[in-house]
Amino acid sequence: MAYQPPTALPRDLLDDEDLRHALDSHDFGTVFRLARDRAGISYSKIAAECDIKPDRVGTLARGQGRITTFEKIVEIADALRIPGHLLGLAPRSWEASDSPARIASAENGSPHMRRRTVFQAVTSTGLAVALPALHRPDPPRRITDTYVDSLRTRTARLRRLDEVLGGGNTYRVYLGEVQFTKGLLRRGSFTDRSRRRLTALLAEQAQQAGWAAFGCGRTQDAESLYTESRDYARDAQDTDLYGNSLAFLAYKTLTDDRRTAVAFAESSCATITARTPSSVRALPYERLAWACAVDNQPEATERALAAAREALAGAQDENRNPTGPPGSTPPNSTS
């Protein structure tokens, strides 16, 4: 029997209008509160299963703060057994019994098409308090690998702010990082290796800024940043980042042009090689399954879901065997 977490929401609660409204707006504080009040699921259990600090769960339930990162939303969906279409996600691996036709039907009427209108920014003061600890080191006369590593560490730390603050606040910060790194590339002196590594970091930063832009309703800015990320990843010869950029473009395009979204997702999957870690493979295949489902391509949806399930199974094997083959560590693992 498949594992059923103690935080799985009962079917009647998943059908509740208040919960659906909260899921539509990604108001996870209300979701947590309804889970406790109507299903008897304690905040401590939610915290443990979702890997969120217990006091943070309580703070969210009181209406303070938002969760906007894609990774954490996926984690909550799995822990509470919220079907992917209710959150604008691809069908989760534990939903394997759902037919492609049902997935497509659910997506066509899902709140995803309107859920991204705006993510409410939360507390500007919280951002101001967090930033002093994230001092950006002054650039040396010649950009070295060590300096690029320090910027990568800063980027990883800044990414965590998105778990606390809304897209509006983090977008401005992330865009500032993109602009700073662009300036370094224009004015700096490099070895070939340090230039390539800094360009790859810029691709990552542009993805991060694009996600925040999308989260606060700046869809055109998001598309521009995802496109820039794709181009920088190509210049850096970073296949995994290039594939991720295409997956993000598929995500953004899906609401406007389903066929183009499918094409982006297919191109993202085409970047996968034998050296691509299983944990990295899963995202492009999930995006492809989602795009095909929305475009009413049930057979293609099933193929992509099967590939995603295989990748997730491989990722679990890699976690059990951390000393695996070269290339088994996902990129951007500093986060």
C-alpha atoms as a PDB file:
ATOM      1  CA  MET A   1       0.000   0.000   0.000  1.00  0.00           C
ATOM      2  CA  ALA A   2       1.295   3.482  -0.857  1.00  0.00           C
ATOM      3  CA  TYR A   3       2.450   5.662   2.030  1.00  0.00           C
ATOM      4  CA  GLN A   4      -0.277   7.942   3.338  1.00  0.00           C
ATOM      5  CA  PRO A   5       1.107  10.829   5.402  1.00  0.00           C
ATOM      6  CA  PRO A   6      -0.661  11.719   8.656  1.00  0.00           C
ATOM      7  CA  THR A   7      -1.328  15.168   7.211  1.00  0.00           C
ATOM      8  CA  ALA A   8      -3.314  13.943   4.181  1.00  0.00           C
ATOM      9  CA  LEU A   9      -6.453  16.065   3.858  1.00  0.00           C
ATOM     10  CA  PRO A  10      -9.745  14.147   3.786  1.00  0.00           C
ATOM     11  CA  ARG A  11     -11.739  14.167   0.567  1.00  0.00           C
ATOM     12  CA  ASP A  12     -14.619  16.222   1.991  1.00  0.00           C
ATOM     13  CA  LEU A  13     -12.217  18.959   3.034  1.00  0.00           C
ATOM     14  CA  LEU A  14     -10.568  18.995  -0.403  1.00  0.00           C
ATOM     15  CA  ASP A  15     -14.038  19.640  -1.845  1.00  0.00           C
ATOM     16  CA  ASP A  16     -14.746  22.448   0.635  1.00  0.00           C
ATOM     17  CA  GLU A  17     -15.311  25.858  -0.945  1.00  0.00           C
ATOM     18  CA  ASP A  18     -13.195  27.719   1.636  1.00  0.00           C
ATOM     19  CA  LEU A  19     -10.259  25.399   1.094  1.00  0.00           C
ATOM     20  CA  ARG A  20     -10.559  25.640  -2.685  1.00  0.00           C
ATOM     21  CA  HIS A  21     -10.512  29.421  -2.433  1.00  0.00           C
ATOM     22  CA  ALA A  22      -7.386  29.284  -0.243  1.00  0.00           C
ATOM     23  CA  LEU A  23      -5.655  26.934  -2.696  1.00  0.00           C
ATOM     24  CA  ASP A  24      -6.651  29.174  -5.598  1.00  0.00           C
ATOM     25  CA  SER A  25      -4.806  32.106  -4.007  1.00  0.00           C
ATOM     26  CA  HIS A  26      -1.996  29.978  -2.535  1.00  0.00           C
ATOM     27  CA  ASP A  27      -3.032  31.067   0.950  1.00  0.00           C
ATOM     28  CA  PHE A  28      -1.379  28.182   2.777  1.00  0.00           C
ATOM     29  CA  GLY A  29      -1.917  29.777   6.173  1.00  0.00           C
ATOM     30  CA  THR A  30      -5.660  29.319   5.706  1.00  0.00           C
ATOM     31  CA  VAL A  31      -5.047  25.794   4.378  1.00  0.00           C
ATOM     32  CA  PHE A  32      -3.117  24.909   7.549  1.00  0.00           C
ATOM     33  CA  ARG A  33      -5.779  26.449   9.781  1.00  0.00           C
ATOM     34  CA  LEU A  34      -8.603  24.580   8.024  1.00  0.00           C
ATOM     35  CA  ALA A  35      -6.593  21.352   8.244  1.00  0.00           C
ATOM     36  CA  ARG A  36      -6.344  21.783  12.014  1.00  0.00           C
ATOM     37  CA  ASP A  37      -9.865  23.063  12.681  1.00  0.00           C
ATOM     38  CA  ARG A  38     -11.793  20.751  10.343  1.00  0.00           C
ATOM     39  CA  ALA A  39      -9.601  17.675  10.093  1.00  0.00           C
ATOM     40  CA  GLY A  40      -7.826  17.682  13.449  1.00  0.00           C
ATOM     41  CA  ILE A  41      -4.359  17.788  11.889  1.00  0.00           C
ATOM     42  CA  SER A  42      -2.028  19.530  14.318  1.00  0.00           C
ATOM     43  CA  TYR A  43       0.373  22.267  13.311  1.00  0.00           C
ATOM     44  CA  SER A  44       3.257  20.168  14.640  1.00  0.00           C
ATOM     45  CA  LYS A  45       2.393  17.351  12.220  1.00  0.00           C
ATOM     46  CA  ILE A  46       2.088  19.819   9.349  1.00  0.00           C
ATOM     47  CA  ALA A  47       5.461  21.324  10.265  1.00  0.00           C
ATOM     48  CA  ALA A  48       7.146  17.916  10.359  1.00  0.00           C
ATOM     49  CA  GLU A  49       5.718  16.658   7.062  1.00  0.00           C
ATOM     50  CA  CYS A  50       6.209  19.951   5.185  1.00  0.00           C
ATOM     51  CA  ASP A  51       9.671  20.624   6.639  1.00  0.00           C
ATOM     52  CA  ILE A  52       8.599  24.015   7.990  1.00  0.00           C
ATOM     53  CA  LYS A  53       9.446  25.309  11.455  1.00  0.00           C
ATOM     54  CA  PRO A  54       6.452  24.851  13.828  1.00  0.00           C
ATOM     55  CA  ASP A  55       6.318  28.527  14.780  1.00  0.00           C
ATOM     56  CA  ARG A  56       6.334  29.427  11.068  1.00  0.00           C
ATOM     57  CA  VAL A  57       3.259  27.238  10.496  1.00  0.00           C
ATOM     58  CA  GLY A  58       1.455  29.066  13.306  1.00  0.00           C
ATOM     59  CA  THR A  59       2.508  32.452  11.949  1.00  0.00           C
ATOM     60  CA  LEU A  60       1.198  31.574   8.491  1.00  0.00           C
ATOM     61  CA  ALA A  61      -2.070  30.307   9.977  1.00  0.00           C
ATOM     62  CA  ARG A  62      -2.525  33.693  11.658  1.00  0.00           C
ATOM     63  CA  GLY A  63      -2.323  35.363   8.251  1.00  0.00           C
ATOM     64  CA  GLN A  64       1.260  36.615   8.520  1.00  0.00           C
ATOM     65  CA  GLY A  65       3.543  35.879   5.564  1.00  0.00           C
ATOM     66  CA  ARG A  66       3.228  33.850   2.379  1.00  0.00           C
ATOM     67  CA  ILE A  67       4.814  30.811   0.756  1.00  0.00           C
ATOM     68  CA  THR A  68       5.711  31.399  -2.884  1.00  0.00           C
ATOM     69  CA  THR A  69       8.640  29.135  -3.784  1.00  0.00           C
ATOM     70  CA  PHE A  70       7.832  26.395  -6.270  1.00  0.00           C
ATOM     71  CA  GLU A  71       9.787  23.769  -4.306  1.00  0.00           C
ATOM     72  CA  LYS A  72       7.939  24.429  -1.028  1.00  0.00           C
ATOM     73  CA  ILE A  73       4.535  24.490  -2.738  1.00  0.00           C
ATOM     74  CA  VAL A  74       5.298  21.058  -4.210  1.00  0.00           C
ATOM     75  CA  GLU A  75       6.381  19.795  -0.778  1.00  0.00           C
ATOM     76  CA  ILE A  76       3.130  20.997   0.824  1.00  0.00           C
ATOM     77  CA  ALA A  77       1.071  19.446  -1.973  1.00  0.00           C
ATOM     78  CA  ASP A  78       2.708  16.080  -1.346  1.00  0.00           C
ATOM     79  CA  ALA A  79       2.492  16.273   2.441  1.00  0.00           C
ATOM     80  CA  LEU A  80      -1.192  17.270   2.480  1.00  0.00           C
ATOM     81  CA  ARG A  81      -2.029  15.119  -0.556  1.00  0.00           C
ATOM     82  CA  ILE A  82      -3.419  18.077  -2.487  1.00  0.00           C
ATOM     83  CA  PRO A  83      -3.925  17.078  -6.146  1.00  0.00           C
ATOM     84  CA  GLY A  84      -1.576  18.963  -8.432  1.00  0.00           C
ATOM     85  CA  HIS A  85      -4.266  20.607 -10.554  1.00  0.00           C
ATOM     86  CA  LEU A  86      -5.643  22.439  -7.501  1.00  0.00           C
ATOM     87  CA  LEU A  87      -2.335  24.283  -7.196  1.00  0.00           C
ATOM     88  CA  GLY A  88      -1.377  24.654 -10.852  1.00  0.00           C
ATOM     89  CA  LEU A  89       1.128  21.782 -10.605  1.00  0.00           C
ATOM     90  CA  ALA A  90       1.672  18.721 -12.721  1.00  0.00           C
ATOM     91  CA  PRO A  91      -0.057  15.594 -11.361  1.00  0.00           C
ATOM     92  CA  ARG A  92       1.957  14.242  -8.445  1.00  0.00           C
ATOM     93  CA  SER A  93       3.500  10.767  -8.493  1.00  0.00           C
ATOM     94  CA  TRP A  94       0.976   9.510  -5.902  1.00  0.00           C
ATOM     95  CA  GLU A  95      -1.842  10.509  -8.287  1.00  0.00           C
ATOM     96  CA  ALA A  96      -0.737   7.830 -10.756  1.00  0.00           C
ATOM     97  CA  SER A  97      -4.166   6.196 -10.728  1.00  0.00           C
ATOM     98  CA  ASP A  98      -5.725   9.306 -12.308  1.00  0.00           C
ATOM     99  CA  SER A  99      -6.293   8.926 -16.038  1.00  0.00           C
ATOM    100  CA  PRO A 100      -4.760  11.451 -18.508  1.00  0.00           C
ATOM    101  CA  ALA A 101      -8.246  12.447 -19.628  1.00  0.00           C
ATOM    102  CA  ARG A 102      -9.220  13.314 -16.079  1.00  0.00           C
ATOM    103  CA  ILE A 103      -5.996  15.276 -15.609  1.00  0.00           C
ATOM    104  CA  ALA A 104      -6.665  17.259 -18.783  1.00  0.00           C
ATOM    105  CA  SER A 105     -10.234  17.940 -17.737  1.00  0.00           C
ATOM    106  CA  ALA A 106      -9.152  19.120 -14.305  1.00  0.00           C
ATOM    107  CA  GLU A 107      -6.438  21.381 -15.705  1.00  0.00           C
ATOM    108  CA  ASN A 108      -8.753  22.993 -18.248  1.00  0.00           C
ATOM    109  CA  GLY A 109     -10.967  24.205 -15.442  1.00  0.00           C
ATOM    110  CA  SER A 110      -8.277  24.711 -12.839  1.00  0.00           C
ATOM    111  CA  PRO A 111      -7.619  27.904 -10.908  1.00  0.00           C
ATOM    112  CA  HIS A 112      -4.102  27.986 -12.392  1.00  0.00           C
ATOM    113  CA  MET A 113      -5.286  30.185 -15.225  1.00  0.00           C
ATOM    114  CA  ARG A 114      -6.032  32.957 -12.797  1.00  0.00           C
ATOM    115  CA  ARG A 115      -4.121  32.087  -9.627  1.00  0.00           C
ATOM    116  CA  ARG A 116      -0.998  34.027 -10.591  1.00  0.00           C
ATOM    117  CA  THR A 117      -2.692  37.401 -10.984  1.00  0.00           C
ATOM    118  CA  VAL A 118      -0.804  38.740  -7.990  1.00  0.00           C
ATOM    119  CA  PHE A 119       1.071  37.189  -5.067  1.00  0.00           C
ATOM    120  CA  GLN A 120       0.632  39.607  -2.191  1.00  0.00           C
ATOM    121  CA  ALA A 121       3.904  41.033  -0.942  1.00  0.00           C
ATOM    122  CA  VAL A 122       4.147  40.710   2.774  1.00  0.00           C
ATOM    123  CA  THR A 123       6.389  42.739   5.022  1.00  0.00           C
ATOM    124  CA  SER A 124       8.903  45.188   3.603  1.00  0.00           C
ATOM    125  CA  THR A 125      10.502  45.525   7.020  1.00  0.00           C
ATOM    126  CA  GLY A 126      11.219  41.792   7.088  1.00  0.00           C
ATOM    127  CA  LEU A 127      13.290  42.152   3.952  1.00  0.00           C
ATOM    128  CA  ALA A 128      15.187  45.121   5.339  1.00  0.00           C
ATOM    129  CA  VAL A 129      16.046  43.150   8.491  1.00  0.00           C
ATOM    130  CA  ALA A 130      17.243  40.133   6.499  1.00  0.00           C
ATOM    131  CA  LEU A 131      19.476  41.928   4.015  1.00  0.00           C
ATOM    132  CA  PRO A 132      22.313  43.188   6.276  1.00  0.00           C
ATOM    133  CA  ALA A 133      23.444  39.572   6.784  1.00  0.00           C
ATOM    134  CA  LEU A 134      23.699  39.170   3.013  1.00  0.00           C
ATOM    135  CA  HIS A 135      26.480  41.643   2.315  1.00  0.00           C
ATOM    136  CA  ARG A 136      27.756  41.470  -1.244  1.00  0.00           C
ATOM    137  CA  PRO A 137      31.569  41.243  -1.307  1.00  0.00           C
ATOM    138  CA  ASP A 138      33.333  43.966  -3.297  1.00  0.00           C
ATOM    139  CA  PRO A 139      34.544  42.668  -6.661  1.00  0.00           C
ATOM    140  CA  PRO A 140      38.300  42.201  -7.064  1.00  0.00           C
ATOM    141  CA  ARG A 141      40.154  43.725 -10.006  1.00  0.00           C
ATOM    142  CA  ARG A 142      40.190  40.311 -11.684  1.00  0.00           C
ATOM    143  CA  ILE A 143      37.139  38.081 -11.153  1.00  0.00           C
ATOM    144  CA  THR A 144      38.226  34.734  -9.701  1.00  0.00           C
ATOM    145  CA  ASP A 145      36.476  31.433  -9.078  1.00  0.00           C
ATOM    146  CA  THR A 146      36.566  32.208  -5.356  1.00  0.00           C
ATOM    147  CA  TYR A 147      34.653  35.443  -5.885  1.00  0.00           C
ATOM    148  CA  VAL A 148      32.101  33.705  -8.123  1.00  0.00           C
ATOM    149  CA  ASP A 149      31.637  31.122  -5.339  1.00  0.00           C
ATOM    150  CA  SER A 150      30.926  33.919  -2.848  1.00  0.00           C
ATOM    151  CA  LEU A 151      28.261  35.354  -5.174  1.00  0.00           C
ATOM    152  CA  ARG A 152      26.732  31.889  -5.626  1.00  0.00           C
ATOM    153  CA  THR A 153      26.496  31.494  -1.839  1.00  0.00           C
ATOM    154  CA  ARG A 154      24.789  34.888  -1.612  1.00  0.00           C
ATOM    155  CA  THR A 155      22.319  33.894  -4.341  1.00  0.00           C
ATOM    156  CA  ALA A 156      21.464  30.696  -2.473  1.00  0.00           C
ATOM    157  CA  ARG A 157      20.825  32.632   0.739  1.00  0.00           C
ATOM    158  CA  LEU A 158      18.696  35.221  -1.027  1.00  0.00           C
ATOM    159  CA  ARG A 159      16.599  32.439  -2.549  1.00  0.00           C
ATOM    160  CA  ARG A 160      15.439  31.490   0.953  1.00  0.00           C
ATOM    161  CA  LEU A 161      13.902  34.947   1.421  1.00  0.00           C
ATOM    162  CA  ASP A 162      11.167  33.924  -0.995  1.00  0.00           C
ATOM    163  CA  GLU A 163       9.922  31.436   1.607  1.00  0.00           C
ATOM    164  CA  VAL A 164       9.134  34.365   3.919  1.00  0.00           C
ATOM    165  CA  LEU A 165       8.383  37.317   1.661  1.00  0.00           C
ATOM    166  CA  GLY A 166       6.096  37.747  -1.320  1.00  0.00           C
ATOM    167  CA  GLY A 167       7.184  38.005  -4.928  1.00  0.00           C
ATOM    168  CA  GLY A 168       6.855  41.795  -5.001  1.00  0.00           C
ATOM    169  CA  ASN A 169       9.582  42.299  -2.399  1.00  0.00           C
ATOM    170  CA  THR A 170      11.920  39.557  -3.542  1.00  0.00           C
ATOM    171  CA  TYR A 171      11.568  40.495  -7.225  1.00  0.00           C
ATOM    172  CA  ARG A 172      13.248  43.844  -6.634  1.00  0.00           C
ATOM    173  CA  VAL A 173      16.104  42.179  -4.760  1.00  0.00           C
ATOM    174  CA  TYR A 174      16.585  39.394  -7.308  1.00  0.00           C
ATOM    175  CA  LEU A 175      16.473  41.833 -10.217  1.00  0.00           C
ATOM    176  CA  GLY A 176      19.184  43.876  -8.487  1.00  0.00           C
ATOM    177  CA  GLU A 177      21.365  40.764  -8.353  1.00  0.00           C
ATOM    178  CA  VAL A 178      20.836  40.189 -12.082  1.00  0.00           C
ATOM    179  CA  GLN A 179      21.798  43.767 -12.892  1.00  0.00           C
ATOM    180  CA  PHE A 180      24.900  43.632 -10.670  1.00  0.00           C
ATOM    181  CA  THR A 181      26.143  40.413 -12.305  1.00  0.00           C
ATOM    182  CA  LYS A 182      25.487  41.836 -15.774  1.00  0.00           C
ATOM    183  CA  GLY A 183      27.673  44.798 -14.814  1.00  0.00           C
ATOM    184  CA  LEU A 184      30.478  42.483 -13.718  1.00  0.00           C
ATOM    185  CA  LEU A 185      30.359  40.666 -17.043  1.00  0.00           C
ATOM    186  CA  ARG A 186      30.537  43.956 -18.946  1.00  0.00           C
ATOM    187  CA  ARG A 187      33.365  45.533 -16.933  1.00  0.00           C
ATOM    188  CA  GLY A 188      35.287  42.710 -15.290  1.00  0.00           C
ATOM    189  CA  SER A 189      38.472  40.883 -16.179  1.00  0.00           C
ATOM    190  CA  PHE A 190      38.262  37.074 -16.212  1.00  0.00           C
ATOM    191  CA  THR A 191      39.775  33.771 -17.052  1.00  0.00           C
ATOM    192  CA  ASP A 192      37.666  31.779 -19.516  1.00  0.00           C
ATOM    193  CA  ARG A 193      36.552  29.494 -16.692  1.00  0.00           C
ATOM    194  CA  SER A 194      35.506  32.290 -14.308  1.00  0.00           C
ATOM    195  CA  ARG A 195      33.576  34.070 -17.083  1.00  0.00           C
ATOM    196  CA  ARG A 196      31.698  30.879 -17.929  1.00  0.00           C
ATOM    197  CA  ARG A 197      30.888  30.215 -14.267  1.00  0.00           C
ATOM    198  CA  LEU A 198      29.697  33.799 -13.729  1.00  0.00           C
ATOM    199  CA  THR A 199      27.520  33.561 -16.856  1.00  0.00           C
ATOM    200  CA  ALA A 200      25.975  30.344 -15.483  1.00  0.00           C
ATOM    201  CA  LEU A 201      25.282  32.122 -12.192  1.00  0.00           C
ATOM    202  CA  LEU A 202      23.602  34.947 -14.112  1.00  0.00           C
ATOM    203  CA  ALA A 203      21.369  32.368 -15.826  1.00  0.00           C
ATOM    204  CA  GLU A 204      20.393  31.035 -12.402  1.00  0.00           C
ATOM    205  CA  GLN A 205      19.744  34.532 -11.028  1.00  0.00           C
ATOM    206  CA  ALA A 206      17.567  35.397 -14.029  1.00  0.00           C
ATOM    207  CA  GLN A 207      15.477  32.284 -13.414  1.00  0.00           C
ATOM    208  CA  GLN A 208      15.073  33.280  -9.781  1.00  0.00           C
ATOM    209  CA  ALA A 209      14.072  36.836 -10.682  1.00  0.00           C
ATOM    210  CA  GLY A 210      11.711  35.518 -13.356  1.00  0.00           C
ATOM    211  CA  TRP A 211       9.935  33.263 -10.873  1.00  0.00           C
ATOM    212  CA  ALA A 212       9.491  36.179  -8.452  1.00  0.00           C
ATOM    213  CA  ALA A 213       8.248  38.409 -11.288  1.00  0.00           C
ATOM    214  CA  PHE A 214       5.697  35.803 -12.290  1.00  0.00           C
ATOM    215  CA  GLY A 215       4.651  35.477  -8.668  1.00  0.00           C
ATOM    216  CA  CYS A 216       3.779  39.168  -8.374  1.00  0.00           C
ATOM    217  CA  GLY A 217       1.972  39.429 -11.713  1.00  0.00           C
ATOM    218  CA  ARG A 218       4.795  40.804 -13.882  1.00  0.00           C
ATOM    219  CA  THR A 219       4.315  38.179 -16.564  1.00  0.00           C
ATOM    220  CA  GLN A 220       6.113  40.023 -19.358  1.00  0.00           C
ATOM    221  CA  ASP A 221       9.109  40.674 -17.116  1.00  0.00           C
ATOM    222  CA  ALA A 222       9.088  36.986 -16.203  1.00  0.00           C
ATOM    223  CA  GLU A 223       9.129  35.918 -19.842  1.00  0.00           C
ATOM    224  CA  SER A 224      11.969  38.320 -20.617  1.00  0.00           C
ATOM    225  CA  LEU A 225      14.026  37.033 -17.682  1.00  0.00           C
ATOM    226  CA  TYR A 226      13.399  33.390 -18.574  1.00  0.00           C
ATOM    227  CA  THR A 227      14.493  34.116 -22.144  1.00  0.00           C
ATOM    228  CA  GLU A 228      17.640  35.847 -20.880  1.00  0.00           C
ATOM    229  CA  SER A 229      18.298  32.886 -18.594  1.00  0.00           C
ATOM    230  CA  ARG A 230      18.050  30.501 -21.541  1.00  0.00           C
ATOM    231  CA  ASP A 231      20.532  32.577 -23.546  1.00  0.00           C
ATOM    232  CA  TYR A 232      23.009  32.899 -20.662  1.00  0.00           C
ATOM    233  CA  ALA A 233      22.784  29.174 -19.906  1.00  0.00           C
ATOM    234  CA  ARG A 234      23.547  28.446 -23.570  1.00  0.00           C
ATOM    235  CA  ASP A 235      26.531  30.817 -23.484  1.00  0.00           C
ATOM    236  CA  ALA A 236      27.777  29.113 -20.320  1.00  0.00           C
ATOM    237  CA  GLN A 237      27.317  25.700 -21.973  1.00  0.00           C
ATOM    238  CA  ASP A 238      25.297  24.598 -18.943  1.00  0.00           C
ATOM    239  CA  THR A 239      22.831  22.055 -20.297  1.00  0.00           C
ATOM    240  CA  ASP A 240      20.878  21.615 -17.067  1.00  0.00           C
ATOM    241  CA  LEU A 241      20.315  25.348 -16.602  1.00  0.00           C
ATOM    242  CA  TYR A 242      19.365  25.634 -20.270  1.00  0.00           C
ATOM    243  CA  GLY A 243      16.747  22.905 -19.842  1.00  0.00           C
ATOM    244  CA  ASN A 244      15.421  24.541 -16.674  1.00  0.00           C
ATOM    245  CA  SER A 245      15.013  27.855 -18.495  1.00  0.00           C
ATOM    246  CA  LEU A 246      12.938  26.162 -21.190  1.00  0.00           C
ATOM    247  CA  ALA A 247      10.825  24.504 -18.490  1.00  0.00           C
ATOM    248  CA  PHE A 248      10.179  27.912 -16.912  1.00  0.00           C
ATOM    249  CA  LEU A 249       9.233  29.327 -20.318  1.00  0.00           C
ATOM    250  CA  ALA A 250       6.781  26.455 -20.741  1.00  0.00           C
ATOM    251  CA  TYR A 251       5.269  27.265 -17.339  1.00  0.00           C
ATOM    252  CA  LYS A 252       4.809  30.928 -18.211  1.00  0.00           C
ATOM    253  CA  THR A 253       3.529  30.342 -21.757  1.00  0.00           C
ATOM    254  CA  LEU A 254       0.926  27.729 -20.850  1.00  0.00           C
ATOM    255  CA  THR A 255      -1.808  30.212 -19.994  1.00  0.00           C
ATOM    256  CA  ASP A 256      -1.503  32.011 -23.358  1.00  0.00           C
ATOM    257  CA  ASP A 257      -0.333  29.485 -25.943  1.00  0.00           C
ATOM    258  CA  ARG A 258      -0.627  25.798 -25.100  1.00  0.00           C
ATOM    259  CA  ARG A 259       1.096  24.499 -28.216  1.00  0.00           C
ATOM    260  CA  THR A 260       4.099  26.776 -27.713  1.00  0.00           C
ATOM    261  CA  ALA A 261       4.237  25.708 -24.061  1.00  0.00           C
ATOM    262  CA  VAL A 262       4.332  22.056 -25.142  1.00  0.00           C
ATOM    263  CA  ALA A 263       7.132  22.869 -27.602  1.00  0.00           C
ATOM    264  CA  PHE A 264       9.158  24.595 -24.859  1.00  0.00           C
ATOM    265  CA  ALA A 265       8.600  21.645 -22.518  1.00  0.00           C
ATOM    266  CA  GLU A 266       9.625  19.148 -25.214  1.00  0.00           C
ATOM    267  CA  SER A 267      12.780  21.174 -25.904  1.00  0.00           C
ATOM    268  CA  SER A 268      13.519  21.189 -22.177  1.00  0.00           C
ATOM    269  CA  CYS A 269      13.266  17.384 -22.043  1.00  0.00           C
ATOM    270  CA  ALA A 270      15.496  17.129 -25.110  1.00  0.00           C
ATOM    271  CA  THR A 271      18.379  18.642 -23.113  1.00  0.00           C
ATOM    272  CA  ILE A 272      18.401  15.651 -20.746  1.00  0.00           C
ATOM    273  CA  THR A 273      21.456  13.418 -21.150  1.00  0.00           C
ATOM    274  CA  ALA A 274      22.726  10.250 -19.492  1.00  0.00           C
ATOM    275  CA  ARG A 275      24.667  12.441 -17.046  1.00  0.00           C
ATOM    276  CA  THR A 276      21.660  14.519 -16.003  1.00  0.00           C
ATOM    277  CA  PRO A 277      20.795  13.658 -12.371  1.00  0.00           C
ATOM    278  CA  SER A 278      17.424  11.961 -11.890  1.00  0.00           C
ATOM    279  CA  SER A 279      16.285  14.726  -9.533  1.00  0.00           C
ATOM    280  CA  VAL A 280      16.910  17.250 -12.326  1.00  0.00           C
ATOM    281  CA  ARG A 281      15.155  15.136 -14.972  1.00  0.00           C
ATOM    282  CA  ALA A 282      11.868  15.018 -13.076  1.00  0.00           C
ATOM    283  CA  LEU A 283      10.994  18.729 -13.432  1.00  0.00           C
ATOM    284  CA  PRO A 284      11.096  18.937 -17.272  1.00  0.00           C
ATOM    285  CA  TYR A 285       9.027  15.762 -17.585  1.00  0.00           C
ATOM    286  CA  GLU A 286       6.483  17.046 -15.054  1.00  0.00           C
ATOM    287  CA  ARG A 287       6.198  20.326 -16.959  1.00  0.00           C
ATOM    288  CA  LEU A 288       5.776  18.393 -20.215  1.00  0.00           C
ATOM    289  CA  ALA A 289       3.052  16.190 -18.705  1.00  0.00           C
ATOM    290  CA  TRP A 290       1.241  19.248 -17.400  1.00  0.00           C
ATOM    291  CA  ALA A 291       1.466  21.110 -20.722  1.00  0.00           C
ATOM    292  CA  CYS A 292       0.276  18.064 -22.681  1.00  0.00           C
ATOM    293  CA  ALA A 293      -2.616  17.524 -20.286  1.00  0.00           C
ATOM    294  CA  VAL A 294      -3.787  21.123 -20.648  1.00  0.00           C
ATOM    295  CA  ASP A 295      -3.408  20.804 -24.438  1.00  0.00           C
ATOM    296  CA  ASN A 296      -5.584  17.663 -24.334  1.00  0.00           C
ATOM    297  CA  GLN A 297      -2.872  15.216 -25.429  1.00  0.00           C
ATOM    298  CA  PRO A 298      -3.594  12.230 -23.151  1.00  0.00           C
ATOM    299  CA  GLU A 299      -1.109   9.791 -24.676  1.00  0.00           C
ATOM    300  CA  ALA A 300       1.745  12.310 -24.544  1.00  0.00           C
ATOM    301  CA  THR A 301       0.704  13.156 -20.979  1.00  0.00           C
ATOM    302  CA  GLU A 302       0.953   9.511 -19.950  1.00  0.00           C
ATOM    303  CA  ARG A 303       4.390   9.124 -21.542  1.00  0.00           C
ATOM    304  CA  ALA A 304       5.712  12.219 -19.789  1.00  0.00           C
ATOM    305  CA  LEU A 305       4.224  11.120 -16.458  1.00  0.00           C
ATOM    306  CA  ALA A 306       5.880   7.725 -16.808  1.00  0.00           C
ATOM    307  CA  ALA A 307       9.229   9.424 -17.472  1.00  0.00           C
ATOM    308  CA  ALA A 308       8.737  11.722 -14.470  1.00  0.00           C
ATOM    309  CA  ARG A 309       7.888   8.775 -12.217  1.00  0.00           C
ATOM    310  CA  GLU A 310      10.991   6.938 -13.426  1.00  0.00           C
ATOM    311  CA  ALA A 311      13.135  10.015 -12.735  1.00  0.00           C
ATOM    312  CA  LEU A 312      11.692  10.411  -9.233  1.00  0.00           C
ATOM    313  CA  ALA A 313      12.366   6.748  -8.502  1.00  0.00           C
ATOM    314  CA  GLY A 314      15.925   7.248  -9.703  1.00  0.00           C
ATOM    315  CA  ALA A 315      16.301  10.301  -7.464  1.00  0.00           C
ATOM    316  CA  GLN A 316      15.279   8.205  -4.447  1.00  0.00           C
ATOM    317  CA  ASP A 317      17.923   5.632  -5.378  1.00  0.00           C
ATOM    318  CA  GLU A 318      20.532   8.382  -5.669  1.00  0.00           C
ATOM    319  CA  ASN A 319      19.584   9.701  -2.222  1.00  0.00           C
ATOM    320  CA  ARG A 320      20.097   6.226  -0.798  1.00  0.00           C
ATOM    321  CA  ASN A 321      23.466   6.050  -2.569  1.00  0.00           C
ATOM    322  CA  PRO A 322      24.992   9.542  -2.180  1.00  0.00           C
ATOM    323  CA  THR A 323      28.372   8.353  -3.481  1.00  0.00           C
ATOM    324  CA  GLY A 324      26.916   7.723  -6.913  1.00  0.00           C
ATOM    325  CA  PRO A 325      28.481   8.362 -10.290  1.00  0.00           C
ATOM    326  CA  PRO A 326      29.921  11.737 -11.348  1.00  0.00           C
ATOM    327  CA  GLY A 327      27.202  14.179 -12.243  1.00  0.00           C
ATOM    328  CA  SER A 328      24.717  12.730  -9.758  1.00  0.00           C
ATOM    329  CA  THR A 329      24.539  15.938  -7.735  1.00  0.00           C
ATOM    330  CA  PRO A 330      21.881  18.391  -8.960  1.00  0.00           C
ATOM    331  CA  PRO A 331      23.125  21.795 -10.119  1.00  0.00           C
ATOM    332  CA  ASN A 332      22.638  24.789  -7.816  1.00  0.00           C
ATOM    333  CA  SER A 333      22.756  22.425  -4.831  1.00  0.00           C
ATOM    334  CA  THR A 334      24.204  25.175  -2.654  1.00  0.00           C
ATOM    335  CA  SER A 335      20.656  26.273  -1.876  1.00  0.00           C
END
